[in-house]
Amino acid sequence: MYHVTVAFRADREYEFHVHADDIAGLTKDAAREWLQEEFDELECTPSNPVGKVLVLDVILNVAKYGGEQRFAQGGEWARRFVACVGVALDRPAVRIDVPGFVVG
């Protein structure tokens, strides 16, 4: 359903496939809420200190501050993150370039 890649370097990319079972009952609002809670919990610094923090900034910062190790392990947190990203953005493929600070 969704294919999410989180890249920390060209040779360190983590690919996740999000299936219908992974997102059953997960609404767009709930996905964004989880991402925002993680943003706050990880004490992320907004890239734009003035004004509204956009969902792409939240996603990039949560990936960055969450750390590569969580994606390398592929555990519950990483699976929840990619499920929420998939639902929040509703794109079949998402690439999160952490060092480049770009979601494509």
PDB file of N, CA and C in Angstrom:
ATOM      1  N   MET A   1       0.823  -1.195   0.000  1.00  0.00           N
ATOM      2  CA  MET A   1       0.000   0.000   0.000  1.00  0.00           C
ATOM      3  C   MET A   1       0.870   1.263   0.000  1.00  0.00           C
ATOM      4  N   TYR A   2       1.853   1.332   0.929  1.00  0.00           N
ATOM      5  CA  TYR A   2       2.810   2.448   0.937  1.00  0.00           C
ATOM      6  C   TYR A   2       4.217   1.882   1.003  1.00  0.00           C
ATOM      7  N   HIS A   3       5.137   2.561   0.341  1.00  0.00           N
ATOM      8  CA  HIS A   3       6.554   2.189   0.373  1.00  0.00           C
ATOM      9  C   HIS A   3       7.289   3.411   0.909  1.00  0.00           C
ATOM     10  N   VAL A   4       7.910   3.261   2.085  1.00  0.00           N
ATOM     11  CA  VAL A   4       8.590   4.393   2.725  1.00  0.00           C
ATOM     12  C   VAL A   4      10.072   4.053   2.881  1.00  0.00           C
ATOM     13  N   THR A   5      10.910   4.957   2.382  1.00  0.00           N
ATOM     14  CA  THR A   5      12.359   4.811   2.517  1.00  0.00           C
ATOM     15  C   THR A   5      12.867   5.947   3.397  1.00  0.00           C
ATOM     16  N   VAL A   6      13.671   5.579   4.397  1.00  0.00           N
ATOM     17  CA  VAL A   6      14.292   6.580   5.265  1.00  0.00           C
ATOM     18  C   VAL A   6      15.789   6.478   5.029  1.00  0.00           C
ATOM     19  N   ALA A   7      16.385   7.568   4.507  1.00  0.00           N
ATOM     20  CA  ALA A   7      17.799   7.556   4.140  1.00  0.00           C
ATOM     21  C   ALA A   7      18.606   8.454   5.076  1.00  0.00           C
ATOM     22  N   PHE A   8      19.693   7.888   5.599  1.00  0.00           N
ATOM     23  CA  PHE A   8      20.620   8.660   6.429  1.00  0.00           C
ATOM     24  C   PHE A   8      21.912   8.948   5.671  1.00  0.00           C
ATOM     25  N   ARG A   9      22.241   8.089   4.703  1.00  0.00           N
ATOM     26  CA  ARG A   9      23.347   8.266   3.754  1.00  0.00           C
ATOM     27  C   ARG A   9      23.036   7.380   2.562  1.00  0.00           C
ATOM     28  N   ALA A  10      23.751   7.561   1.483  1.00  0.00           N
ATOM     29  CA  ALA A  10      23.493   6.761   0.281  1.00  0.00           C
ATOM     30  C   ALA A  10      23.580   5.260   0.574  1.00  0.00           C
ATOM     31  N   ASP A  11      24.488   4.886   1.460  1.00  0.00           N
ATOM     32  CA  ASP A  11      24.666   3.467   1.765  1.00  0.00           C
ATOM     33  C   ASP A  11      23.915   3.047   3.036  1.00  0.00           C
ATOM     34  N   ARG A  12      23.119   3.940   3.572  1.00  0.00           N
ATOM     35  CA  ARG A  12      22.351   3.611   4.784  1.00  0.00           C
ATOM     36  C   ARG A  12      20.903   4.076   4.608  1.00  0.00           C
ATOM     37  N   GLU A  13      20.150   3.253   3.856  1.00  0.00           N
ATOM     38  CA  GLU A  13      18.739   3.517   3.603  1.00  0.00           C
ATOM     39  C   GLU A  13      17.928   2.348   4.153  1.00  0.00           C
ATOM     40  N   TYR A  14      16.796   2.679   4.715  1.00  0.00           N
ATOM     41  CA  TYR A  14      15.942   1.658   5.322  1.00  0.00           C
ATOM     42  C   TYR A  14      14.587   1.715   4.628  1.00  0.00           C
ATOM     43  N   GLU A  15      14.185   0.589   4.054  1.00  0.00           N
ATOM     44  CA  GLU A  15      12.941   0.535   3.295  1.00  0.00           C
ATOM     45  C   GLU A  15      11.892  -0.230   4.084  1.00  0.00           C
ATOM     46  N   PHE A  16      10.688   0.322   4.045  1.00  0.00           N
ATOM     47  CA  PHE A  16       9.570  -0.288   4.746  1.00  0.00           C
ATOM     48  C   PHE A  16       8.378  -0.361   3.809  1.00  0.00           C
ATOM     49  N   HIS A  17       7.652  -1.465   3.891  1.00  0.00           N
ATOM     50  CA  HIS A  17       6.407  -1.617   3.141  1.00  0.00           C
ATOM     51  C   HIS A  17       5.277  -1.588   4.159  1.00  0.00           C
ATOM     52  N   VAL A  18       4.349  -0.678   3.948  1.00  0.00           N
ATOM     53  CA  VAL A  18       3.214  -0.529   4.848  1.00  0.00           C
ATOM     54  C   VAL A  18       2.005  -1.152   4.164  1.00  0.00           C
ATOM     55  N   HIS A  19       1.432  -2.157   4.803  1.00  0.00           N
ATOM     56  CA  HIS A  19       0.293  -2.875   4.236  1.00  0.00           C
ATOM     57  C   HIS A  19      -1.002  -2.432   4.906  1.00  0.00           C
ATOM     58  N   ALA A  20      -2.103  -2.819   4.315  1.00  0.00           N
ATOM     59  CA  ALA A  20      -3.418  -2.432   4.832  1.00  0.00           C
ATOM     60  C   ALA A  20      -3.572  -2.811   6.310  1.00  0.00           C
ATOM     61  N   ASP A  21      -3.061  -3.971   6.700  1.00  0.00           N
ATOM     62  CA  ASP A  21      -3.162  -4.406   8.105  1.00  0.00           C
ATOM     63  C   ASP A  21      -2.423  -3.448   9.043  1.00  0.00           C
ATOM     64  N   ASP A  22      -1.328  -2.862   8.559  1.00  0.00           N
ATOM     65  CA  ASP A  22      -0.514  -1.965   9.381  1.00  0.00           C
ATOM     66  C   ASP A  22      -1.231  -0.653   9.693  1.00  0.00           C
ATOM     67  N   ILE A  23      -2.173  -0.286   8.844  1.00  0.00           N
ATOM     68  CA  ILE A  23      -2.821   1.026   9.012  1.00  0.00           C
ATOM     69  C   ILE A  23      -4.321   0.912   9.252  1.00  0.00           C
ATOM     70  N   ALA A  24      -4.799  -0.295   9.520  1.00  0.00           N
ATOM     71  CA  ALA A  24      -6.232  -0.494   9.762  1.00  0.00           C
ATOM     72  C   ALA A  24      -6.675   0.400  10.923  1.00  0.00           C
ATOM     73  N   GLY A  25      -7.663   1.221  10.668  1.00  0.00           N
ATOM     74  CA  GLY A  25      -8.202   2.094  11.713  1.00  0.00           C
ATOM     75  C   GLY A  25      -7.395   3.350  11.984  1.00  0.00           C
ATOM     76  N   LEU A  26      -6.294   3.537  11.276  1.00  0.00           N
ATOM     77  CA  LEU A  26      -5.452   4.721  11.491  1.00  0.00           C
ATOM     78  C   LEU A  26      -5.932   5.850  10.581  1.00  0.00           C
ATOM     79  N   THR A  27      -6.470   6.893  11.189  1.00  0.00           N
ATOM     80  CA  THR A  27      -6.956   8.031  10.396  1.00  0.00           C
ATOM     81  C   THR A  27      -5.817   9.008  10.137  1.00  0.00           C
ATOM     82  N   LYS A  28      -6.034   9.892   9.182  1.00  0.00           N
ATOM     83  CA  LYS A  28      -5.033  10.914   8.871  1.00  0.00           C
ATOM     84  C   LYS A  28      -4.782  11.792  10.103  1.00  0.00           C
ATOM     85  N   ASP A  29      -5.850  12.149  10.817  1.00  0.00           N
ATOM     86  CA  ASP A  29      -5.699  12.974  12.025  1.00  0.00           C
ATOM     87  C   ASP A  29      -4.902  12.248  13.105  1.00  0.00           C
ATOM     88  N   ALA A  30      -5.198  10.963  13.303  1.00  0.00           N
ATOM     89  CA  ALA A  30      -4.472  10.183  14.314  1.00  0.00           C
ATOM     90  C   ALA A  30      -2.996  10.039  13.934  1.00  0.00           C
ATOM     91  N   ALA A  31      -2.718   9.866  12.647  1.00  0.00           N
ATOM     92  CA  ALA A  31      -1.331   9.740  12.179  1.00  0.00           C
ATOM     93  C   ALA A  31      -0.563  11.031  12.445  1.00  0.00           C
ATOM     94  N   ARG A  32      -1.179  12.145  12.092  1.00  0.00           N
ATOM     95  CA  ARG A  32      -0.526  13.447  12.322  1.00  0.00           C
ATOM     96  C   ARG A  32      -0.343  13.722  13.812  1.00  0.00           C
ATOM     97  N   GLU A  33      -1.321  13.300  14.607  1.00  0.00           N
ATOM     98  CA  GLU A  33      -1.233  13.495  16.060  1.00  0.00           C
ATOM     99  C   GLU A  33      -0.055  12.701  16.640  1.00  0.00           C
ATOM    100  N   TRP A  34       0.107  11.447  16.194  1.00  0.00           N
ATOM    101  CA  TRP A  34       1.213  10.629  16.684  1.00  0.00           C
ATOM    102  C   TRP A  34       2.549  11.277  16.305  1.00  0.00           C
ATOM    103  N   LEU A  35       2.661  11.722  15.067  1.00  0.00           N
ATOM    104  CA  LEU A  35       3.895  12.368  14.615  1.00  0.00           C
ATOM    105  C   LEU A  35       4.172  13.630  15.436  1.00  0.00           C
ATOM    106  N   GLN A  36       3.145  14.413  15.708  1.00  0.00           N
ATOM    107  CA  GLN A  36       3.321  15.634  16.498  1.00  0.00           C
ATOM    108  C   GLN A  36       3.736  15.306  17.937  1.00  0.00           C
ATOM    109  N   GLU A  37       3.147  14.253  18.501  1.00  0.00           N
ATOM    110  CA  GLU A  37       3.518  13.834  19.863  1.00  0.00           C
ATOM    111  C   GLU A  37       4.983  13.408  19.915  1.00  0.00           C
ATOM    112  N   GLU A  38       5.418  12.676  18.900  1.00  0.00           N
ATOM    113  CA  GLU A  38       6.828  12.268  18.849  1.00  0.00           C
ATOM    114  C   GLU A  38       7.729  13.492  18.668  1.00  0.00           C
ATOM    115  N   PHE A  39       7.307  14.429  17.843  1.00  0.00           N
ATOM    116  CA  PHE A  39       8.052  15.679  17.631  1.00  0.00           C
ATOM    117  C   PHE A  39       8.272  16.375  18.973  1.00  0.00           C
ATOM    118  N   ASP A  40       7.211  16.466  19.769  1.00  0.00           N
ATOM    119  CA  ASP A  40       7.301  17.113  21.084  1.00  0.00           C
ATOM    120  C   ASP A  40       8.140  16.290  22.054  1.00  0.00           C
ATOM    121  N   GLU A  41       7.908  14.969  22.079  1.00  0.00           N
ATOM    122  CA  GLU A  41       8.612  14.097  23.015  1.00  0.00           C
ATOM    123  C   GLU A  41      10.121  14.052  22.744  1.00  0.00           C
ATOM    124  N   LEU A  42      10.493  14.069  21.467  1.00  0.00           N
ATOM    125  CA  LEU A  42      11.910  14.027  21.094  1.00  0.00           C
ATOM    126  C   LEU A  42      12.566  15.410  21.197  1.00  0.00           C
ATOM    127  N   GLU A  43      11.764  16.404  21.575  1.00  0.00           N
ATOM    128  CA  GLU A  43      12.239  17.784  21.721  1.00  0.00           C
ATOM    129  C   GLU A  43      12.899  18.279  20.436  1.00  0.00           C
ATOM    130  N   CYS A  44      12.204  18.043  19.328  1.00  0.00           N
ATOM    131  CA  CYS A  44      12.692  18.488  18.029  1.00  0.00           C
ATOM    132  C   CYS A  44      12.674  20.011  17.954  1.00  0.00           C
ATOM    133  N   THR A  45      13.595  20.533  17.193  1.00  0.00           N
ATOM    134  CA  THR A  45      13.664  21.974  16.966  1.00  0.00           C
ATOM    135  C   THR A  45      13.043  22.268  15.614  1.00  0.00           C
ATOM    136  N   PRO A  46      12.001  23.088  15.577  1.00  0.00           N
ATOM    137  CA  PRO A  46      11.386  23.392  14.282  1.00  0.00           C
ATOM    138  C   PRO A  46      12.367  24.098  13.358  1.00  0.00           C
ATOM    139  N   SER A  47      12.322  23.729  12.065  1.00  0.00           N
ATOM    140  CA  SER A  47      13.224  24.378  11.110  1.00  0.00           C
ATOM    141  C   SER A  47      12.776  25.813  10.857  1.00  0.00           C
ATOM    142  N   ASN A  48      11.497  26.087  11.090  1.00  0.00           N
ATOM    143  CA  ASN A  48      10.974  27.449  10.967  1.00  0.00           C
ATOM    144  C   ASN A  48      10.501  27.871  12.353  1.00  0.00           C
ATOM    145  N   PRO A  49      11.321  28.636  13.087  1.00  0.00           N
ATOM    146  CA  PRO A  49      10.969  28.965  14.469  1.00  0.00           C
ATOM    147  C   PRO A  49       9.768  29.896  14.595  1.00  0.00           C
ATOM    148  N   VAL A  50       9.349  30.501  13.494  1.00  0.00           N
ATOM    149  CA  VAL A  50       8.202  31.398  13.516  1.00  0.00           C
ATOM    150  C   VAL A  50       7.086  30.776  12.695  1.00  0.00           C
ATOM    151  N   GLY A  51       5.905  30.741  13.254  1.00  0.00           N
ATOM    152  CA  GLY A  51       4.773  30.250  12.474  1.00  0.00           C
ATOM    153  C   GLY A  51       4.503  28.783  12.672  1.00  0.00           C
ATOM    154  N   LYS A  52       3.605  28.283  11.845  1.00  0.00           N
ATOM    155  CA  LYS A  52       3.123  26.916  11.933  1.00  0.00           C
ATOM    156  C   LYS A  52       4.200  25.921  11.477  1.00  0.00           C
ATOM    157  N   VAL A  53       4.283  24.815  12.176  1.00  0.00           N
ATOM    158  CA  VAL A  53       5.204  23.748  11.784  1.00  0.00           C
ATOM    159  C   VAL A  53       4.452  22.837  10.817  1.00  0.00           C
ATOM    160  N   LEU A  54       4.973  22.698   9.613  1.00  0.00           N
ATOM    161  CA  LEU A  54       4.326  21.897   8.581  1.00  0.00           C
ATOM    162  C   LEU A  54       4.562  20.409   8.822  1.00  0.00           C
ATOM    163  N   VAL A  55       3.649  19.585   8.324  1.00  0.00           N
ATOM    164  CA  VAL A  55       3.753  18.148   8.544  1.00  0.00           C
ATOM    165  C   VAL A  55       5.065  17.592   7.991  1.00  0.00           C
ATOM    166  N   LEU A  56       5.572  18.129   6.885  1.00  0.00           N
ATOM    167  CA  LEU A  56       6.850  17.642   6.342  1.00  0.00           C
ATOM    168  C   LEU A  56       7.995  17.942   7.299  1.00  0.00           C
ATOM    169  N   ASP A  57       7.968  19.114   7.933  1.00  0.00           N
ATOM    170  CA  ASP A  57       8.991  19.432   8.936  1.00  0.00           C
ATOM    171  C   ASP A  57       8.907  18.474  10.122  1.00  0.00           C
ATOM    172  N   VAL A  58       7.685  18.174  10.533  1.00  0.00           N
ATOM    173  CA  VAL A  58       7.498  17.237  11.648  1.00  0.00           C
ATOM    174  C   VAL A  58       8.080  15.878  11.283  1.00  0.00           C
ATOM    175  N   ILE A  59       7.759  15.381  10.091  1.00  0.00           N
ATOM    176  CA  ILE A  59       8.256  14.070   9.648  1.00  0.00           C
ATOM    177  C   ILE A  59       9.779  14.056   9.606  1.00  0.00           C
ATOM    178  N   LEU A  60      10.376  15.069   8.993  1.00  0.00           N
ATOM    179  CA  LEU A  60      11.839  15.120   8.879  1.00  0.00           C
ATOM    180  C   LEU A  60      12.511  15.195  10.240  1.00  0.00           C
ATOM    181  N   ASN A  61      11.976  16.017  11.117  1.00  0.00           N
ATOM    182  CA  ASN A  61      12.578  16.152  12.443  1.00  0.00           C
ATOM    183  C   ASN A  61      12.413  14.901  13.291  1.00  0.00           C
ATOM    184  N   VAL A  62      11.264  14.265  13.219  1.00  0.00           N
ATOM    185  CA  VAL A  62      11.059  13.031  13.992  1.00  0.00           C
ATOM    186  C   VAL A  62      12.011  11.947  13.494  1.00  0.00           C
ATOM    187  N   ALA A  63      12.207  11.853  12.183  1.00  0.00           N
ATOM    188  CA  ALA A  63      13.162  10.877  11.649  1.00  0.00           C
ATOM    189  C   ALA A  63      14.573  11.194  12.136  1.00  0.00           C
ATOM    190  N   LYS A  64      14.940  12.471  12.072  1.00  0.00           N
ATOM    191  CA  LYS A  64      16.283  12.895  12.475  1.00  0.00           C
ATOM    192  C   LYS A  64      16.523  12.671  13.969  1.00  0.00           C
ATOM    193  N   TYR A  65      15.626  13.189  14.789  1.00  0.00           N
ATOM    194  CA  TYR A  65      15.806  13.101  16.239  1.00  0.00           C
ATOM    195  C   TYR A  65      15.518  11.697  16.769  1.00  0.00           C
ATOM    196  N   GLY A  66      14.669  10.952  16.059  1.00  0.00           N
ATOM    197  CA  GLY A  66      14.414   9.565  16.448  1.00  0.00           C
ATOM    198  C   GLY A  66      15.662   8.722  16.289  1.00  0.00           C
ATOM    199  N   GLY A  67      16.464   9.062  15.288  1.00  0.00           N
ATOM    200  CA  GLY A  67      17.765   8.423  15.111  1.00  0.00           C
ATOM    201  C   GLY A  67      17.756   7.223  14.191  1.00  0.00           C
ATOM    202  N   GLU A  68      18.880   7.059  13.522  1.00  0.00           N
ATOM    203  CA  GLU A  68      19.039   5.970  12.558  1.00  0.00           C
ATOM    204  C   GLU A  68      18.858   4.599  13.190  1.00  0.00           C
ATOM    205  N   GLN A  69      19.310   4.446  14.425  1.00  0.00           N
ATOM    206  CA  GLN A  69      19.269   3.133  15.078  1.00  0.00           C
ATOM    207  C   GLN A  69      17.855   2.550  15.116  1.00  0.00           C
ATOM    208  N   ARG A  70      16.860   3.402  15.343  1.00  0.00           N
ATOM    209  CA  ARG A  70      15.482   2.905  15.407  1.00  0.00           C
ATOM    210  C   ARG A  70      15.036   2.330  14.064  1.00  0.00           C
ATOM    211  N   PHE A  71      15.482   2.938  12.964  1.00  0.00           N
ATOM    212  CA  PHE A  71      15.113   2.436  11.640  1.00  0.00           C
ATOM    213  C   PHE A  71      15.914   1.189  11.295  1.00  0.00           C
ATOM    214  N   ALA A  72      17.172   1.153  11.711  1.00  0.00           N
ATOM    215  CA  ALA A  72      18.017  -0.015  11.466  1.00  0.00           C
ATOM    216  C   ALA A  72      17.440  -1.244  12.172  1.00  0.00           C
ATOM    217  N   GLN A  73      16.904  -1.046  13.364  1.00  0.00           N
ATOM    218  CA  GLN A  73      16.322  -2.158  14.118  1.00  0.00           C
ATOM    219  C   GLN A  73      14.987  -2.598  13.530  1.00  0.00           C
ATOM    220  N   GLY A  74      14.287  -1.664  12.886  1.00  0.00           N
ATOM    221  CA  GLY A  74      13.008  -2.006  12.254  1.00  0.00           C
ATOM    222  C   GLY A  74      11.935  -2.435  13.234  1.00  0.00           C
ATOM    223  N   GLY A  75      12.014  -1.947  14.454  1.00  0.00           N
ATOM    224  CA  GLY A  75      11.073  -2.342  15.495  1.00  0.00           C
ATOM    225  C   GLY A  75       9.744  -1.611  15.438  1.00  0.00           C
ATOM    226  N   GLU A  76       9.006  -1.714  16.525  1.00  0.00           N
ATOM    227  CA  GLU A  76       7.663  -1.165  16.612  1.00  0.00           C
ATOM    228  C   GLU A  76       7.629   0.339  16.343  1.00  0.00           C
ATOM    229  N   TRP A  77       8.578   1.092  16.902  1.00  0.00           N
ATOM    230  CA  TRP A  77       8.579   2.545  16.709  1.00  0.00           C
ATOM    231  C   TRP A  77       8.736   2.892  15.224  1.00  0.00           C
ATOM    232  N   ALA A  78       9.686   2.251  14.556  1.00  0.00           N
ATOM    233  CA  ALA A  78       9.927   2.528  13.127  1.00  0.00           C
ATOM    234  C   ALA A  78       8.706   2.156  12.299  1.00  0.00           C
ATOM    235  N   ARG A  79       8.083   1.027  12.609  1.00  0.00           N
ATOM    236  CA  ARG A  79       6.897   0.602  11.860  1.00  0.00           C
ATOM    237  C   ARG A  79       5.741   1.579  12.076  1.00  0.00           C
ATOM    238  N   ARG A  80       5.598   2.072  13.298  1.00  0.00           N
ATOM    239  CA  ARG A  80       4.541   3.043  13.589  1.00  0.00           C
ATOM    240  C   ARG A  80       4.820   4.355  12.841  1.00  0.00           C
ATOM    241  N   PHE A  81       6.083   4.772  12.841  1.00  0.00           N
ATOM    242  CA  PHE A  81       6.474   5.995  12.146  1.00  0.00           C
ATOM    243  C   PHE A  81       6.109   5.920  10.665  1.00  0.00           C
ATOM    244  N   VAL A  82       6.530   4.851   9.986  1.00  0.00           N
ATOM    245  CA  VAL A  82       6.279   4.767   8.544  1.00  0.00           C
ATOM    246  C   VAL A  82       4.796   4.610   8.241  1.00  0.00           C
ATOM    247  N   ALA A  83       4.053   3.934   9.098  1.00  0.00           N
ATOM    248  CA  ALA A  83       2.607   3.824   8.906  1.00  0.00           C
ATOM    249  C   ALA A  83       1.964   5.206   8.999  1.00  0.00           C
ATOM    250  N   CYS A  84       2.368   5.976   9.994  1.00  0.00           N
ATOM    251  CA  CYS A  84       1.811   7.322  10.165  1.00  0.00           C
ATOM    252  C   CYS A  84       2.214   8.243   9.012  1.00  0.00           C
ATOM    253  N   VAL A  85       3.445   8.118   8.537  1.00  0.00           N
ATOM    254  CA  VAL A  85       3.888   8.921   7.391  1.00  0.00           C
ATOM    255  C   VAL A  85       3.052   8.565   6.161  1.00  0.00           C
ATOM    256  N   GLY A  86       2.866   7.279   5.925  1.00  0.00           N
ATOM    257  CA  GLY A  86       2.081   6.847   4.769  1.00  0.00           C
ATOM    258  C   GLY A  86       0.665   7.397   4.800  1.00  0.00           C
ATOM    259  N   VAL A  87       0.017   7.290   5.952  1.00  0.00           N
ATOM    260  CA  VAL A  87      -1.361   7.763   6.078  1.00  0.00           C
ATOM    261  C   VAL A  87      -1.419   9.296   6.024  1.00  0.00           C
ATOM    262  N   ALA A  88      -0.495   9.956   6.707  1.00  0.00           N
ATOM    263  CA  ALA A  88      -0.512  11.430   6.751  1.00  0.00           C
ATOM    264  C   ALA A  88      -0.316  12.033   5.361  1.00  0.00           C
ATOM    265  N   LEU A  89       0.584  11.445   4.565  1.00  0.00           N
ATOM    266  CA  LEU A  89       0.885  11.996   3.247  1.00  0.00           C
ATOM    267  C   LEU A  89       0.050  11.366   2.131  1.00  0.00           C
ATOM    268  N   ASP A  90      -0.416  10.143   2.366  1.00  0.00           N
ATOM    269  CA  ASP A  90      -1.230   9.408   1.398  1.00  0.00           C
ATOM    270  C   ASP A  90      -0.596   9.381   0.007  1.00  0.00           C
ATOM    271  N   ARG A  91       0.682   9.008  -0.022  1.00  0.00           N
ATOM    272  CA  ARG A  91       1.408   8.828  -1.291  1.00  0.00           C
ATOM    273  C   ARG A  91       1.873   7.376  -1.349  1.00  0.00           C
ATOM    274  N   PRO A  92       1.846   6.751  -2.515  1.00  0.00           N
ATOM    275  CA  PRO A  92       2.259   5.348  -2.598  1.00  0.00           C
ATOM    276  C   PRO A  92       3.734   5.141  -2.256  1.00  0.00           C
ATOM    277  N   ALA A  93       4.570   6.123  -2.566  1.00  0.00           N
ATOM    278  CA  ALA A  93       5.999   6.015  -2.260  1.00  0.00           C
ATOM    279  C   ALA A  93       6.490   7.323  -1.649  1.00  0.00           C
ATOM    280  N   VAL A  94       7.221   7.190  -0.561  1.00  0.00           N
ATOM    281  CA  VAL A  94       7.764   8.364   0.134  1.00  0.00           C
ATOM    282  C   VAL A  94       9.234   8.087   0.421  1.00  0.00           C
ATOM    283  N   ARG A  95      10.062   9.065   0.139  1.00  0.00           N
ATOM    284  CA  ARG A  95      11.490   8.966   0.466  1.00  0.00           C
ATOM    285  C   ARG A  95      11.828  10.115   1.411  1.00  0.00           C
ATOM    286  N   ILE A  96      12.347   9.758   2.571  1.00  0.00           N
ATOM    287  CA  ILE A  96      12.725  10.743   3.583  1.00  0.00           C
ATOM    288  C   ILE A  96      14.247  10.800   3.604  1.00  0.00           C
ATOM    289  N   ASP A  97      14.771  11.893   3.087  1.00  0.00           N
ATOM    290  CA  ASP A  97      16.217  12.119   3.026  1.00  0.00           C
ATOM    291  C   ASP A  97      16.584  12.960   4.239  1.00  0.00           C
ATOM    292  N   VAL A  98      17.066  12.305   5.297  1.00  0.00           N
ATOM    293  CA  VAL A  98      17.316  12.996   6.565  1.00  0.00           C
ATOM    294  C   VAL A  98      18.427  14.041   6.439  1.00  0.00           C
ATOM    295  N   PRO A  99      19.622  13.703   5.906  1.00  0.00           N
ATOM    296  CA  PRO A  99      20.657  14.736   5.822  1.00  0.00           C
ATOM    297  C   PRO A  99      20.313  15.869   4.861  1.00  0.00           C
ATOM    298  N   GLY A 100      19.587  15.555   3.788  1.00  0.00           N
ATOM    299  CA  GLY A 100      19.193  16.579   2.828  1.00  0.00           C
ATOM    300  C   GLY A 100      17.962  17.352   3.275  1.00  0.00           C
ATOM    301  N   PHE A 101      17.307  16.858   4.320  1.00  0.00           N
ATOM    302  CA  PHE A 101      16.103  17.442   4.900  1.00  0.00           C
ATOM    303  C   PHE A 101      15.030  17.653   3.835  1.00  0.00           C
ATOM    304  N   VAL A 102      14.742  16.543   3.110  1.00  0.00           N
ATOM    305  CA  VAL A 102      13.777  16.586   2.019  1.00  0.00           C
ATOM    306  C   VAL A 102      12.870  15.348   2.091  1.00  0.00           C
ATOM    307  N   VAL A 103      11.582  15.570   1.857  1.00  0.00           N
ATOM    308  CA  VAL A 103      10.650  14.459   1.696  1.00  0.00           C
ATOM    309  C   VAL A 103      10.234  14.465   0.232  1.00  0.00           C
ATOM    310  N   GLY A 104      10.442  13.335  -0.433  1.00  0.00           N
ATOM    311  CA  GLY A 104      10.112  13.262  -1.842  1.00  0.00           C
ATOM    312  C   GLY A 104       9.261  12.076  -2.171  1.00  0.00           C
TER     313      GLY A 104
END
